[in-house]
Protein backbone atom coordinates (compact mmCIF):
# COMPACT_ATOMS: atom_id res chain seq x y z
CA UNK A 1 26.91 6.27 -3.94
CA UNK A 2 26.11 4.68 -0.61
CA UNK A 3 22.27 4.51 -0.23
CA UNK A 4 20.68 4.03 3.22
CA UNK A 5 17.06 2.89 3.71
CA UNK A 6 15.69 3.61 7.20
CA UNK A 7 12.35 1.77 7.72
CA UNK A 8 9.93 -0.08 9.98
CA UNK A 9 9.73 -2.88 7.44
CA UNK A 10 11.73 -5.80 8.75
CA UNK A 11 14.30 -7.97 7.11
CA UNK A 12 13.62 -11.71 7.65
CA UNK A 13 16.72 -13.85 7.72
CA UNK A 14 16.30 -17.40 6.84
CA UNK A 15 18.87 -19.98 5.72
CA UNK A 16 21.52 -17.26 5.47
CA UNK A 17 19.37 -15.32 2.97
CA UNK A 18 17.43 -12.08 3.32
CA UNK A 19 13.72 -11.73 2.76
CA UNK A 20 11.24 -8.85 3.11
CA UNK A 21 7.59 -7.95 2.36
CA UNK A 22 7.05 -8.84 -1.37
CA UNK A 23 5.68 -5.49 -2.75
CA UNK A 24 8.47 -3.63 -0.83
CA UNK A 25 11.15 -5.95 -2.41
CA UNK A 26 9.71 -5.38 -5.83
CA UNK A 27 9.99 -1.60 -5.43
CA UNK A 28 13.52 -1.74 -3.91
CA UNK A 29 14.79 -3.84 -6.84
CA UNK A 30 14.15 -0.80 -9.04
CA UNK A 31 15.95 1.64 -6.63
CA UNK A 32 18.86 -0.83 -6.24
CA UNK A 33 19.58 -0.95 -10.06
CA UNK A 34 20.83 2.68 -9.85
CA UNK A 35 22.83 2.54 -6.69
CA UNK A 36 26.39 1.28 -6.11
CA UNK A 37 26.07 0.38 -2.40
CA UNK A 38 22.92 -0.18 -0.38
CA UNK A 39 22.31 -0.56 3.31
CA UNK A 40 19.20 -1.20 5.53
CA UNK A 41 18.58 0.27 8.91
CA UNK A 42 15.53 -1.61 10.19
CA UNK A 43 14.39 -4.38 12.53
CA UNK A 44 15.36 -8.02 11.95
CA UNK A 45 12.84 -10.90 12.35
CA UNK A 46 13.50 -14.61 12.60
CA UNK A 47 10.26 -15.50 10.81
CA UNK A 48 7.77 -13.79 8.62
CA UNK A 49 4.84 -13.63 11.13
CA UNK A 50 2.29 -14.01 8.38
CA UNK A 51 3.83 -11.58 5.98
CA UNK A 52 3.91 -12.39 2.24
CA UNK A 53 7.68 -12.30 1.74
CA UNK A 54 10.14 -12.54 -1.13
CA UNK A 55 13.89 -13.04 -1.31
CA UNK A 56 15.99 -9.81 -1.74
CA UNK A 57 17.71 -10.59 -5.07
CA UNK A 58 20.38 -7.82 -4.93
CA UNK A 59 23.48 -7.49 -2.81
CA UNK A 60 23.14 -5.60 0.49
CA UNK A 61 26.37 -4.04 1.68
CA UNK A 62 25.50 -3.24 5.21
CA UNK A 63 22.83 -3.78 7.88
CA UNK A 64 22.15 -1.51 10.89
CA UNK A 65 19.80 -3.49 13.09
CA UNK A 66 17.14 -1.69 15.07
CA UNK A 67 14.86 -2.98 17.79
CA UNK A 68 11.02 -2.92 17.27
CA UNK A 69 9.03 -0.77 19.63
CA UNK A 70 5.58 0.70 20.10
CA UNK A 71 3.71 2.55 22.85
CA UNK A 72 0.55 0.43 22.98
CA UNK A 73 0.92 -1.00 26.50
CA UNK A 74 2.78 -0.22 29.72
CA UNK A 75 5.33 -2.97 29.02
CA UNK A 76 5.94 -1.69 25.46
CA UNK A 77 6.39 1.79 26.78
CA UNK A 78 9.09 0.65 29.15
CA UNK A 79 10.75 -1.26 26.29
CA UNK A 80 10.57 1.80 24.11
CA UNK A 81 12.13 4.06 26.76
CA UNK A 82 15.14 1.73 26.74
CA UNK A 83 15.12 1.09 22.99
CA UNK A 84 14.67 4.60 21.61
CA UNK A 85 18.01 6.05 22.65
CA UNK A 86 19.83 2.97 21.34
CA UNK A 87 17.88 3.15 18.02
CA UNK A 88 18.66 6.85 17.82
CA UNK A 89 22.45 6.17 17.98
CA UNK A 90 22.23 3.30 15.45
CA UNK A 91 20.30 5.54 13.01
CA UNK A 92 22.81 8.30 13.50
CA UNK A 93 25.70 5.91 12.82
CA UNK A 94 23.87 4.60 9.69
CA UNK A 95 23.27 8.13 8.39
CA UNK A 96 26.95 8.92 8.88
CA UNK A 97 27.75 5.98 6.55
CA UNK A 98 25.40 7.13 3.84
CA UNK A 99 25.64 9.54 0.91
CA UNK A 100 21.91 9.42 0.23
CA UNK A 101 19.44 8.93 3.09
CA UNK A 102 16.03 7.44 2.26
CA UNK A 103 13.29 7.36 4.93
CA UNK A 104 10.15 5.20 4.75
CA UNK A 105 7.31 6.76 6.66
CA UNK A 106 5.07 6.73 8.56
CA UNK A 107 6.03 4.50 11.49
CA UNK A 108 7.77 4.57 14.80
CA UNK A 109 11.20 4.20 13.29
CA UNK A 110 10.30 6.66 10.58
CA UNK A 111 9.49 9.25 13.25
CA UNK A 112 12.76 8.68 15.01
CA UNK A 113 14.66 8.96 11.68
CA UNK A 114 12.81 12.24 10.96
CA UNK A 115 14.46 13.74 14.00
CA UNK A 116 17.93 12.24 13.26
CA UNK A 117 17.98 13.42 9.64
CA UNK A 118 17.82 17.06 10.97
CA UNK A 119 21.40 16.57 12.04
CA UNK A 120 22.47 15.98 8.38
CA UNK A 121 21.33 19.08 6.47
CA UNK A 122 23.87 18.74 3.66
CA UNK A 123 23.29 15.08 2.79
CA UNK A 124 21.03 14.23 -0.10
CA UNK A 125 17.71 12.76 1.23
CA UNK A 126 14.44 11.35 0.06
CA UNK A 127 11.46 10.17 2.08
CA UNK A 128 8.59 8.11 0.93
CA UNK A 129 5.46 8.83 2.91
CA UNK A 130 3.39 5.65 2.15
CA UNK A 131 0.39 6.68 4.30
CA UNK A 132 -2.41 9.23 3.84
CA UNK A 133 -0.99 12.67 3.23
CA UNK A 134 -4.42 14.43 3.30
CA UNK A 135 -3.83 17.42 5.61
CA UNK A 136 -7.44 17.11 6.87
CA UNK A 137 -7.27 13.39 7.73
CA UNK A 138 -7.79 12.35 11.37
CA UNK A 139 -4.54 10.55 12.29
CA UNK A 140 -2.44 9.62 15.29
CA UNK A 141 -0.32 12.52 16.60
CA UNK A 142 2.86 10.58 15.71
CA UNK A 143 1.80 10.59 11.96
CA UNK A 144 0.97 14.34 12.17
CA UNK A 145 4.34 15.05 13.71
CA UNK A 146 6.17 13.17 10.92
CA UNK A 147 4.33 15.02 8.24
CA UNK A 148 5.06 18.33 10.04
CA UNK A 149 8.78 17.65 10.30
CA UNK A 150 9.04 16.43 6.66
CA UNK A 151 7.13 19.53 5.43
CA UNK A 152 9.28 21.93 7.41
CA UNK A 153 11.94 23.13 5.09
CA UNK A 154 13.97 24.77 7.90
CA UNK A 155 14.31 21.45 9.80
CA UNK A 156 14.27 19.18 6.79
CA UNK A 157 16.81 20.26 4.25
CA UNK A 158 18.03 18.84 1.00
CA UNK A 159 15.08 16.35 0.91
CA UNK A 160 12.41 15.41 -1.58
CA UNK A 161 9.30 13.95 0.19
CA UNK A 162 7.29 11.58 -2.07
CA UNK A 163 3.56 11.66 -1.17
CA UNK A 164 0.49 10.07 -2.79
CA UNK A 165 -1.95 12.46 -4.39
CA UNK A 166 -1.89 16.20 -5.11
CA UNK A 167 -2.70 18.44 -2.15
CA UNK A 168 -3.01 22.22 -1.93
CA UNK A 169 -0.66 24.55 -0.02
CA UNK A 170 2.30 22.24 0.19
CA UNK A 171 5.95 23.20 0.74
CA UNK A 172 8.38 23.12 -2.16
CA UNK A 173 9.98 19.81 -1.04
CA UNK A 174 6.70 17.82 -1.30
CA UNK A 175 6.51 15.83 -4.55
CA UNK A 176 3.34 14.04 -5.75
CA UNK A 177 4.32 10.40 -6.47
CA UNK A 178 2.82 7.06 -7.30
CA UNK A 179 3.78 3.35 -7.40
CA UNK A 180 3.58 0.81 -10.23
CA UNK A 181 3.16 -2.93 -10.63
CA UNK A 182 3.10 -3.63 -14.30
CA UNK A 183 5.36 -3.11 -17.26
CA UNK A 184 4.98 -1.64 -20.77
CA UNK A 185 5.01 -5.22 -22.06
CA UNK A 186 1.86 -5.96 -20.04
CA UNK A 187 -0.02 -3.34 -22.15
CA UNK A 188 0.04 -5.88 -25.02
CA UNK A 189 -2.15 -8.30 -23.10
CA UNK A 190 -5.80 -8.20 -24.17
CA UNK A 191 -8.41 -7.21 -21.64
CA UNK A 192 -11.84 -8.69 -22.42
CA UNK A 193 -14.90 -6.45 -22.07
CA UNK A 194 -17.00 -7.47 -19.03
CA UNK A 195 -20.69 -8.34 -19.78
CA UNK A 196 -22.31 -8.45 -16.37
CA UNK A 197 -24.98 -10.73 -17.88
CA UNK A 198 -24.39 -13.89 -15.82
CA UNK A 199 -22.50 -14.37 -12.57
CA UNK A 200 -20.93 -11.09 -11.35
CA UNK A 201 -17.55 -11.69 -9.74
CA UNK A 202 -16.28 -9.48 -6.90
CA UNK A 203 -12.72 -9.49 -5.52
CA UNK A 204 -11.11 -8.62 -2.21
CA UNK A 205 -7.31 -8.43 -2.12
CA UNK A 206 -5.44 -7.50 1.07
CA UNK A 207 -4.60 -8.45 4.63
CA UNK A 208 -7.41 -9.83 6.59
CA UNK A 209 -7.15 -7.21 9.32
CA UNK A 210 -9.50 -4.68 10.90
CA UNK A 211 -7.88 -1.88 8.92
CA UNK A 212 -8.91 -3.40 5.63
CA UNK A 213 -12.44 -4.18 6.70
CA UNK A 214 -12.89 -7.49 5.01
CA UNK A 215 -16.07 -8.12 7.04
CA UNK A 216 -17.64 -5.05 5.47
CA UNK A 217 -16.90 -6.38 2.01
CA UNK A 218 -18.60 -9.65 2.98
CA UNK A 219 -21.66 -7.75 4.24
CA UNK A 220 -21.92 -5.92 1.04
CA UNK A 221 -22.02 -9.22 -0.85
CA UNK A 222 -24.54 -10.63 1.56
CA UNK A 223 -26.88 -7.64 0.93
CA UNK A 224 -26.40 -7.86 -2.91
CA UNK A 225 -27.11 -11.57 -2.86
CA UNK A 226 -30.35 -10.83 -0.99
CA UNK A 227 -31.28 -8.60 -3.91
CA UNK A 228 -31.44 -11.70 -6.06
CA UNK A 229 -28.21 -11.34 -8.06
CA UNK A 230 -25.93 -14.29 -8.92
CA UNK A 231 -22.72 -12.98 -7.39
CA UNK A 232 -19.46 -14.39 -5.90
CA UNK A 233 -16.70 -12.89 -3.82
CA UNK A 234 -13.17 -14.23 -3.98
CA UNK A 235 -11.08 -13.18 -0.97
CA UNK A 236 -7.20 -13.20 -1.51
CA UNK A 237 -5.06 -12.63 1.59
CA UNK A 238 -4.57 -13.89 5.13
CA UNK A 239 -4.50 -12.36 8.57
CA UNK A 240 -5.95 -12.33 12.13
CA UNK A 241 -9.55 -11.66 10.98
CA UNK A 242 -9.66 -14.97 9.13
CA UNK A 243 -11.30 -16.91 11.95
CA UNK A 244 -14.00 -14.25 12.41
CA UNK A 245 -14.60 -14.20 8.65
CA UNK A 246 -14.99 -18.02 8.44
CA UNK A 247 -17.52 -17.97 11.34
CA UNK A 248 -19.53 -15.18 9.69
CA UNK A 249 -19.66 -17.11 6.41
CA UNK A 250 -20.78 -20.28 8.13
CA UNK A 251 -23.34 -18.56 10.39
CA UNK A 252 -24.89 -16.64 7.42
CA UNK A 253 -24.92 -19.50 4.88
CA UNK A 254 -22.57 -17.64 2.50
CA UNK A 255 -20.30 -20.63 1.53
CA UNK A 256 -21.52 -20.72 -2.02
CA UNK A 257 -21.13 -16.99 -2.49
CA UNK A 258 -17.74 -16.39 -0.85
CA UNK A 259 -14.44 -18.26 -1.09
CA UNK A 260 -11.26 -17.63 0.83
CA UNK A 261 -8.18 -18.42 -1.22
CA UNK A 262 -5.39 -17.16 1.10
CA UNK A 263 -2.20 -15.42 -0.05
CA UNK A 264 -1.41 -15.51 -3.74
CA UNK A 265 1.54 -14.46 -5.94
CA UNK A 266 1.27 -11.30 -7.97
CA UNK A 267 0.85 -13.40 -11.17
CA UNK A 268 -1.99 -15.30 -9.61
CA UNK A 269 -3.65 -12.08 -8.43
CA UNK A 270 -3.44 -10.72 -11.94
CA UNK A 271 -5.52 -13.63 -13.23
CA UNK A 272 -8.24 -12.78 -10.63
CA UNK A 273 -8.17 -9.14 -11.77
CA UNK A 274 -8.84 -10.24 -15.32
CA UNK A 275 -11.76 -12.46 -14.45
CA UNK A 276 -13.41 -10.20 -11.83
CA UNK A 277 -15.88 -7.42 -12.41
CA UNK A 278 -15.42 -5.47 -9.28
CA UNK A 279 -12.70 -5.01 -6.63
CA UNK A 280 -13.92 -4.08 -3.09
CA UNK A 281 -11.53 -2.20 -0.79
CA UNK A 282 -13.29 -0.68 2.14
CA UNK A 283 -10.11 0.03 4.20
CA UNK A 284 -9.77 2.57 6.96
CA UNK A 285 -6.58 4.09 5.69
CA UNK A 286 -4.41 3.98 2.56
CA UNK A 287 -1.60 5.80 0.82
CA UNK A 288 -1.63 4.81 -2.79
CA UNK A 289 -3.57 1.52 -2.70
CA UNK A 290 -1.73 -0.70 -5.15
CA UNK A 291 -4.65 -3.15 -5.44
CA UNK A 292 -6.89 -0.34 -6.68
CA UNK A 293 -4.32 0.74 -9.38
CA UNK A 294 -3.65 -2.86 -10.31
CA UNK A 295 -7.37 -3.74 -10.69
CA UNK A 296 -7.86 -0.64 -12.86
CA UNK A 297 -4.96 -1.68 -15.08
CA UNK A 298 -6.97 -4.79 -15.95
CA UNK A 299 -10.32 -3.09 -16.41
CA UNK A 300 -11.74 -4.38 -13.02
CA UNK A 301 -13.84 -1.57 -11.56
CA UNK A 302 -12.74 -0.66 -7.99
CA UNK A 303 -15.16 0.08 -5.14
CA UNK A 304 -13.05 1.84 -2.54
CA UNK A 305 -13.35 3.99 0.57
CA UNK A 306 -13.08 7.78 -0.12
CA UNK A 307 -9.79 8.31 1.81
CA UNK A 308 -6.31 9.58 0.97
CA UNK A 309 -5.78 9.99 -2.74
CA UNK A 310 -8.50 7.34 -3.61
CA UNK A 311 -10.99 10.06 -4.87
CA UNK A 312 -8.18 11.46 -7.13
CA UNK A 313 -7.38 7.97 -8.47
CA UNK A 314 -11.07 7.20 -9.20
CA UNK A 315 -11.62 10.73 -10.60
CA UNK A 316 -14.38 11.29 -7.98
CA UNK A 317 -16.53 8.40 -9.21
CA UNK A 318 -15.77 8.36 -12.98
CA UNK A 319 -13.19 5.50 -12.73
CA UNK A 320 -14.77 3.55 -9.84
CA UNK A 321 -17.25 3.69 -7.02
CA UNK A 322 -16.53 5.59 -3.75
CA UNK A 323 -17.72 3.72 -0.65
CA UNK A 324 -19.31 5.79 2.12
CA UNK A 325 -19.26 2.90 4.60
CA UNK A 326 -23.02 3.22 4.95
CA UNK A 327 -24.24 -0.29 3.92
CA UNK A 328 -27.54 0.57 2.39
CA UNK A 329 -26.17 3.59 0.46
CA UNK A 330 -23.15 1.57 -0.78
CA UNK A 331 -25.36 -1.32 -1.80
CA UNK A 332 -27.60 1.12 -3.72
CA UNK A 333 -24.59 2.60 -5.54
CA UNK A 334 -23.26 -0.84 -6.48
CA UNK A 335 -26.77 -2.00 -7.66
CA UNK A 336 -27.00 1.02 -10.01
CA UNK A 337 -23.69 0.06 -11.58
CA UNK A 338 -24.62 -3.53 -11.90
CA UNK A 339 -27.86 -2.61 -13.63
CA UNK A 340 -26.40 0.13 -15.91
CA UNK A 341 -24.11 -1.79 -18.28
CA UNK A 342 -23.14 1.33 -20.25
CA UNK A 343 -22.05 3.23 -17.19
CA UNK A 344 -20.09 0.26 -15.95
CA UNK A 345 -18.37 -0.20 -19.36
CA UNK A 346 -17.41 3.50 -19.44
CA UNK A 347 -16.07 3.38 -15.94
CA UNK A 348 -14.06 0.22 -16.72
CA UNK A 349 -12.47 1.87 -19.82
CA UNK A 350 -11.76 5.10 -17.94
CA UNK A 351 -10.02 3.08 -15.14
CA UNK A 352 -7.98 1.14 -17.62
CA UNK A 353 -6.88 4.16 -19.64
CA UNK A 354 -5.72 6.20 -16.63
CA UNK A 355 -3.89 3.39 -14.73
CA UNK A 356 -1.89 2.28 -17.75
CA UNK A 357 0.19 5.48 -17.72
CA UNK A 358 1.76 4.30 -14.47
CA UNK A 359 4.09 1.56 -15.65
CA UNK A 360 7.24 0.31 -13.93
CA UNK A 361 9.34 1.89 -16.65
CA UNK A 362 7.82 5.31 -15.84
CA UNK A 363 8.30 4.60 -12.16
CA UNK A 364 11.97 3.77 -12.76
CA UNK A 365 12.59 6.91 -14.74
CA UNK A 366 11.26 8.94 -11.82
CA UNK A 367 13.56 6.99 -9.44
CA UNK A 368 16.58 7.75 -11.58
CA UNK A 369 15.75 11.49 -11.33
CA UNK A 370 15.67 11.18 -7.57
CA UNK A 371 18.95 9.30 -7.01
CA UNK A 372 20.98 10.93 -9.93
């Protein structure tokens, strides 16, 4: 079987080797195990531009290179007008090559691929919609258009669309899905019960970007510290908000309470999950936030924005705290958890028990069903 991946995610070519965003590579390794030939239809970058990347360890049989484009400025619109027809033809040629077409959405290239795939009604197809599938969510029109095309069983045929969460009134081709980071063998590792009786450790894991709202996480810590608690926030990640964060920490005398550690490997992040009491993720938009599921796997209680499938993941407050992005209310909710050890312990156990069903082995068994 010839398997084609059409995606916005770039391939970075360095020293005659192929690299890509690390979590994406980890997932594609599982897909590649069950495929004879694999090709990527995507942009190519010369350097990683701040992305956390890993080497692609499996053989790639073909590349169909696309040009990046967006419509955020007049110059980029002109570039898009030229690039879109060329990209359309390249995606069409790539889909001709494939036996199984796999789209990664949402994104500009994902939107273009949604249109091209209409021309291949008899080829087997899957699409992974990694964003927020909530029908009520306020989103850019390009995202709504992709969701409409993928849901339309007249235009989109012979396709299973993998979405995060369970939503009412969906078409028959929409399949609730998940992602996984840890194996069955990780279940053997002991998770120590948190005490919350000395220093309370908070954790932020993610890109330091406006979309992840790291500054809001820092303001939560600042408020909690002013309540007289001995707390510390470890920030794992890098990005364009770093300078702003450093200035805020210095201006508000938070150096002893907040430490920036930069990007870390998955094994290093796991150690932080194990020694942290709370994960903070106040992001604007998510699909299936891996850091939330990962923290829960190790008994670290997540505090996350009530968006996408997060309320479902946290069982509407039984497996973690739902942030309302109202600073005083969120601080009040966290304080109640910090003071109520029994409630915290129950929440931690609920989180651990739920998340440990979603292992990489279970994920792989679902992938096999899709590509078989």
